[in-house]
Amino acid sequence: MRRYFPHPALSVAIFLLWMALNNASSLAHAILALILAIGLPLLTHRFWPEHPPSVKLLPAIRLFGIVLYDILLASIDVAKLVLGPTRRIKPAFIEVPLDMQDPFVGTLLASIVSLTPGTVSIDIDRSRWVLQVHALNVDNREATIRAIKTRYEQPLKEIFSC
């Protein structure tokens, strides 16, 4: 079964996403969705370093809510900064030391940081396990680092038991 469905959850997600985005329930769309759901994971499974670790569902749902809330608040803050006087903007590069050393979870953390308006993950330095971030507006570096670690890294460590 794993041979034809190397990532079953991804296959289901691709199928459902294709059907939802097309907003049509024709047989042709279902067949195309099925082809994509089977074909894409088969074509890309060599690029996946390993199967993702098991996930604790309740902390994952909680983190999802936190990320959505932070995206909403950050969007408002970025809009105020961009529409206001530019002298208020204080961009900075920040290095966030990571407590975990799992490449998959580190990539998720970097993705979450990049999803939040006003911040972009630049790199994860695996020799020092540091997440390098560019932030649009930083008043206090330590507070920003603490926020990333407590709001995102800590829940990810709980979700993936690392």
C-alpha atoms as a PDB file:
ATOM      1  CA  MET A   1       0.000   0.000   0.000  1.00  0.00           C
ATOM      2  CA  ARG A   2       2.862   2.423   0.883  1.00  0.00           C
ATOM      3  CA  ARG A   3       4.287   1.804  -2.571  1.00  0.00           C
ATOM      4  CA  TYR A   4       1.307   3.432  -4.297  1.00  0.00           C
ATOM      5  CA  PHE A   5       0.451   5.870  -1.503  1.00  0.00           C
ATOM      6  CA  PRO A   6       3.751   7.006   0.043  1.00  0.00           C
ATOM      7  CA  HIS A   7       1.979   9.876   1.821  1.00  0.00           C
ATOM      8  CA  PRO A   8      -1.702   8.948   2.283  1.00  0.00           C
ATOM      9  CA  ALA A   9      -2.630  12.124   4.191  1.00  0.00           C
ATOM     10  CA  LEU A  10      -1.096  14.233   1.414  1.00  0.00           C
ATOM     11  CA  SER A  11      -3.070  12.287  -1.190  1.00  0.00           C
ATOM     12  CA  VAL A  12      -6.323  12.893   0.662  1.00  0.00           C
ATOM     13  CA  ALA A  13      -5.477  16.577   1.113  1.00  0.00           C
ATOM     14  CA  ILE A  14      -4.658  17.012  -2.602  1.00  0.00           C
ATOM     15  CA  PHE A  15      -7.888  15.298  -3.632  1.00  0.00           C
ATOM     16  CA  LEU A  16     -10.057  17.382  -1.291  1.00  0.00           C
ATOM     17  CA  LEU A  17      -8.258  20.623  -2.103  1.00  0.00           C
ATOM     18  CA  TRP A  18      -8.619  20.063  -5.855  1.00  0.00           C
ATOM     19  CA  MET A  19     -12.336  19.353  -5.503  1.00  0.00           C
ATOM     20  CA  ALA A  20     -12.860  22.380  -3.250  1.00  0.00           C
ATOM     21  CA  LEU A  21     -10.913  24.775  -5.475  1.00  0.00           C
ATOM     22  CA  ASN A  22     -12.788  23.741  -8.592  1.00  0.00           C
ATOM     23  CA  ASN A  23     -16.140  24.118  -6.871  1.00  0.00           C
ATOM     24  CA  ALA A  24     -17.530  21.451  -9.189  1.00  0.00           C
ATOM     25  CA  SER A  25     -18.469  17.846  -8.599  1.00  0.00           C
ATOM     26  CA  SER A  26     -18.192  16.386 -12.078  1.00  0.00           C
ATOM     27  CA  LEU A  27     -16.732  12.972 -12.774  1.00  0.00           C
ATOM     28  CA  ALA A  28     -13.943  14.548 -14.836  1.00  0.00           C
ATOM     29  CA  HIS A  29     -12.832  16.722 -11.903  1.00  0.00           C
ATOM     30  CA  ALA A  30     -12.958  13.742  -9.536  1.00  0.00           C
ATOM     31  CA  ILE A  31     -10.818  11.654 -11.919  1.00  0.00           C
ATOM     32  CA  LEU A  32      -8.301  14.480 -12.355  1.00  0.00           C
ATOM     33  CA  ALA A  33      -8.207  15.009  -8.583  1.00  0.00           C
ATOM     34  CA  LEU A  34      -7.577  11.287  -8.093  1.00  0.00           C
ATOM     35  CA  ILE A  35      -4.769  11.301 -10.685  1.00  0.00           C
ATOM     36  CA  LEU A  36      -3.146  14.283  -8.957  1.00  0.00           C
ATOM     37  CA  ALA A  37      -3.675  12.800  -5.486  1.00  0.00           C
ATOM     38  CA  ILE A  38      -1.922   9.587  -6.486  1.00  0.00           C
ATOM     39  CA  GLY A  39       0.609  11.030  -8.944  1.00  0.00           C
ATOM     40  CA  LEU A  40       2.029  14.016  -7.080  1.00  0.00           C
ATOM     41  CA  PRO A  41       3.086  12.110  -3.936  1.00  0.00           C
ATOM     42  CA  LEU A  42       4.547   9.339  -6.120  1.00  0.00           C
ATOM     43  CA  LEU A  43       6.573  11.859  -8.115  1.00  0.00           C
ATOM     44  CA  THR A  44       7.792  13.765  -5.053  1.00  0.00           C
ATOM     45  CA  HIS A  45       8.321  11.030  -2.442  1.00  0.00           C
ATOM     46  CA  ARG A  46      12.072  10.872  -3.200  1.00  0.00           C
ATOM     47  CA  PHE A  47      12.414  14.507  -2.095  1.00  0.00           C
ATOM     48  CA  TRP A  48      10.869  13.843   1.313  1.00  0.00           C
ATOM     49  CA  PRO A  49      13.738  13.038   3.714  1.00  0.00           C
ATOM     50  CA  GLU A  50      11.590  10.847   5.936  1.00  0.00           C
ATOM     51  CA  HIS A  51       8.016  10.433   7.021  1.00  0.00           C
ATOM     52  CA  PRO A  52       6.837  13.216   9.329  1.00  0.00           C
ATOM     53  CA  PRO A  53       6.763  12.223  12.987  1.00  0.00           C
ATOM     54  CA  SER A  54       3.510  11.454  14.732  1.00  0.00           C
ATOM     55  CA  VAL A  55       1.419  14.439  15.733  1.00  0.00           C
ATOM     56  CA  LYS A  56      -0.537  15.266  18.886  1.00  0.00           C
ATOM     57  CA  LEU A  57      -3.813  16.621  17.526  1.00  0.00           C
ATOM     58  CA  LEU A  58      -5.047  18.907  20.335  1.00  0.00           C
ATOM     59  CA  PRO A  59      -1.822  20.963  20.609  1.00  0.00           C
ATOM     60  CA  ALA A  60      -1.744  21.161  16.787  1.00  0.00           C
ATOM     61  CA  ILE A  61      -5.251  22.632  16.712  1.00  0.00           C
ATOM     62  CA  ARG A  62      -4.279  25.073  19.452  1.00  0.00           C
ATOM     63  CA  LEU A  63      -1.165  26.159  17.508  1.00  0.00           C
ATOM     64  CA  PHE A  64      -3.261  26.576  14.357  1.00  0.00           C
ATOM     65  CA  GLY A  65      -5.539  28.986  16.243  1.00  0.00           C
ATOM     66  CA  ILE A  66      -2.556  30.913  17.639  1.00  0.00           C
ATOM     67  CA  VAL A  67      -1.014  31.244  14.173  1.00  0.00           C
ATOM     68  CA  LEU A  68      -4.301  32.466  12.654  1.00  0.00           C
ATOM     69  CA  TYR A  69      -4.707  35.007  15.465  1.00  0.00           C
ATOM     70  CA  ASP A  70      -1.105  36.211  15.073  1.00  0.00           C
ATOM     71  CA  ILE A  71      -1.520  36.519  11.292  1.00  0.00           C
ATOM     72  CA  LEU A  72      -4.599  38.685  11.809  1.00  0.00           C
ATOM     73  CA  LEU A  73      -2.911  40.957  14.357  1.00  0.00           C
ATOM     74  CA  ALA A  74       0.340  41.168  12.365  1.00  0.00           C
ATOM     75  CA  SER A  75      -1.597  42.074   9.208  1.00  0.00           C
ATOM     76  CA  ILE A  76      -3.167  45.016  11.001  1.00  0.00           C
ATOM     77  CA  ASP A  77       0.193  46.086  12.461  1.00  0.00           C
ATOM     78  CA  VAL A  78       1.955  45.873   9.093  1.00  0.00           C
ATOM     79  CA  ALA A  79      -0.839  47.859   7.427  1.00  0.00           C
ATOM     80  CA  LYS A  80      -0.454  50.600  10.057  1.00  0.00           C
ATOM     81  CA  LEU A  81       3.324  50.646   9.587  1.00  0.00           C
ATOM     82  CA  VAL A  82       3.169  50.750   5.806  1.00  0.00           C
ATOM     83  CA  LEU A  83       0.464  53.406   5.683  1.00  0.00           C
ATOM     84  CA  GLY A  84       2.066  55.539   8.397  1.00  0.00           C
ATOM     85  CA  PRO A  85       5.342  57.434   8.507  1.00  0.00           C
ATOM     86  CA  THR A  86       8.264  55.241   7.462  1.00  0.00           C
ATOM     87  CA  ARG A  87      10.491  56.537  10.253  1.00  0.00           C
ATOM     88  CA  ARG A  88       8.508  54.349  12.685  1.00  0.00           C
ATOM     89  CA  ILE A  89       9.701  51.173  10.952  1.00  0.00           C
ATOM     90  CA  LYS A  90      12.699  49.506  12.656  1.00  0.00           C
ATOM     91  CA  PRO A  91      13.744  46.480  10.568  1.00  0.00           C
ATOM     92  CA  ALA A  92      16.166  43.984  12.074  1.00  0.00           C
ATOM     93  CA  PHE A  93      17.826  40.639  11.527  1.00  0.00           C
ATOM     94  CA  ILE A  94      17.343  38.341  14.493  1.00  0.00           C
ATOM     95  CA  GLU A  95      18.876  35.005  15.416  1.00  0.00           C
ATOM     96  CA  VAL A  96      16.520  32.738  17.349  1.00  0.00           C
ATOM     97  CA  PRO A  97      18.381  29.897  19.124  1.00  0.00           C
ATOM     98  CA  LEU A  98      16.392  26.676  18.752  1.00  0.00           C
ATOM     99  CA  ASP A  99      15.873  24.156  21.537  1.00  0.00           C
ATOM    100  CA  MET A 100      15.068  21.369  19.076  1.00  0.00           C
ATOM    101  CA  GLN A 101      17.208  19.818  16.385  1.00  0.00           C
ATOM    102  CA  ASP A 102      14.633  18.168  14.132  1.00  0.00           C
ATOM    103  CA  PRO A 103      14.917  19.406  10.522  1.00  0.00           C
ATOM    104  CA  PHE A 104      11.221  18.769   9.776  1.00  0.00           C
ATOM    105  CA  VAL A 105       9.968  20.639  12.840  1.00  0.00           C
ATOM    106  CA  GLY A 106      12.512  23.412  12.261  1.00  0.00           C
ATOM    107  CA  THR A 107      11.183  23.830   8.732  1.00  0.00           C
ATOM    108  CA  LEU A 108       7.640  24.066  10.084  1.00  0.00           C
ATOM    109  CA  LEU A 109       8.763  26.740  12.541  1.00  0.00           C
ATOM    110  CA  ALA A 110      10.449  28.711   9.753  1.00  0.00           C
ATOM    111  CA  SER A 111       7.283  28.417   7.647  1.00  0.00           C
ATOM    112  CA  ILE A 112       5.068  29.656  10.476  1.00  0.00           C
ATOM    113  CA  VAL A 113       7.356  32.638  11.060  1.00  0.00           C
ATOM    114  CA  SER A 114       7.267  33.460   7.341  1.00  0.00           C
ATOM    115  CA  LEU A 115       3.459  33.194   7.255  1.00  0.00           C
ATOM    116  CA  THR A 116       3.167  35.929   9.844  1.00  0.00           C
ATOM    117  CA  PRO A 117       3.185  39.313   8.048  1.00  0.00           C
ATOM    118  CA  GLY A 118       6.225  41.405   8.889  1.00  0.00           C
ATOM    119  CA  THR A 119       8.604  38.487   9.404  1.00  0.00           C
ATOM    120  CA  VAL A 120      10.539  36.283   6.991  1.00  0.00           C
ATOM    121  CA  SER A 121      12.635  33.249   7.861  1.00  0.00           C
ATOM    122  CA  ILE A 122      15.961  33.441   6.103  1.00  0.00           C
ATOM    123  CA  ASP A 123      17.756  30.268   7.112  1.00  0.00           C
ATOM    124  CA  ILE A 124      18.154  27.592   9.740  1.00  0.00           C
ATOM    125  CA  ASP A 125      21.814  27.320  10.633  1.00  0.00           C
ATOM    126  CA  ARG A 126      22.078  23.609  11.443  1.00  0.00           C
ATOM    127  CA  SER A 127      25.607  23.862  12.781  1.00  0.00           C
ATOM    128  CA  ARG A 128      24.392  26.155  15.600  1.00  0.00           C
ATOM    129  CA  TRP A 129      20.633  25.387  15.366  1.00  0.00           C
ATOM    130  CA  VAL A 130      19.669  29.023  14.983  1.00  0.00           C
ATOM    131  CA  LEU A 131      16.704  30.337  13.012  1.00  0.00           C
ATOM    132  CA  GLN A 132      17.637  33.532  11.190  1.00  0.00           C
ATOM    133  CA  VAL A 133      14.692  35.911  10.782  1.00  0.00           C
ATOM    134  CA  HIS A 134      14.202  39.316   9.221  1.00  0.00           C
ATOM    135  CA  ALA A 135      11.507  41.336  10.970  1.00  0.00           C
ATOM    136  CA  LEU A 136       9.950  44.500   9.595  1.00  0.00           C
ATOM    137  CA  ASN A 137       9.615  46.215  12.952  1.00  0.00           C
ATOM    138  CA  VAL A 138      11.551  45.290  16.100  1.00  0.00           C
ATOM    139  CA  ASP A 139      11.397  47.366  19.245  1.00  0.00           C
ATOM    140  CA  ASN A 140      12.933  44.725  21.505  1.00  0.00           C
ATOM    141  CA  ARG A 141      14.996  41.846  20.071  1.00  0.00           C
ATOM    142  CA  GLU A 142      14.718  39.699  23.198  1.00  0.00           C
ATOM    143  CA  ALA A 143      10.926  40.085  23.303  1.00  0.00           C
ATOM    144  CA  THR A 144      10.675  39.076  19.643  1.00  0.00           C
ATOM    145  CA  ILE A 145      12.868  36.016  20.211  1.00  0.00           C
ATOM    146  CA  ARG A 146      10.875  35.086  23.310  1.00  0.00           C
ATOM    147  CA  ALA A 147       7.591  35.435  21.381  1.00  0.00           C
ATOM    148  CA  ILE A 148       8.773  33.123  18.577  1.00  0.00           C
ATOM    149  CA  LYS A 149      10.025  30.553  21.065  1.00  0.00           C
ATOM    150  CA  THR A 150       6.975  30.546  23.343  1.00  0.00           C
ATOM    151  CA  ARG A 151       4.218  31.016  20.760  1.00  0.00           C
ATOM    152  CA  TYR A 152       5.577  28.706  18.032  1.00  0.00           C
ATOM    153  CA  GLU A 153       8.619  26.632  18.985  1.00  0.00           C
ATOM    154  CA  GLN A 154       7.304  25.370  22.325  1.00  0.00           C
ATOM    155  CA  PRO A 155       3.955  24.185  20.867  1.00  0.00           C
ATOM    156  CA  LEU A 156       5.773  22.525  17.935  1.00  0.00           C
ATOM    157  CA  LYS A 157       7.991  20.663  20.401  1.00  0.00           C
ATOM    158  CA  GLU A 158       4.859  19.485  22.213  1.00  0.00           C
ATOM    159  CA  ILE A 159       3.070  18.510  18.981  1.00  0.00           C
ATOM    160  CA  PHE A 160       5.966  16.422  17.648  1.00  0.00           C
ATOM    161  CA  SER A 161       7.396  15.257  21.006  1.00  0.00           C
ATOM    162  CA  CYS A 162      10.890  16.593  20.361  1.00  0.00           C
END
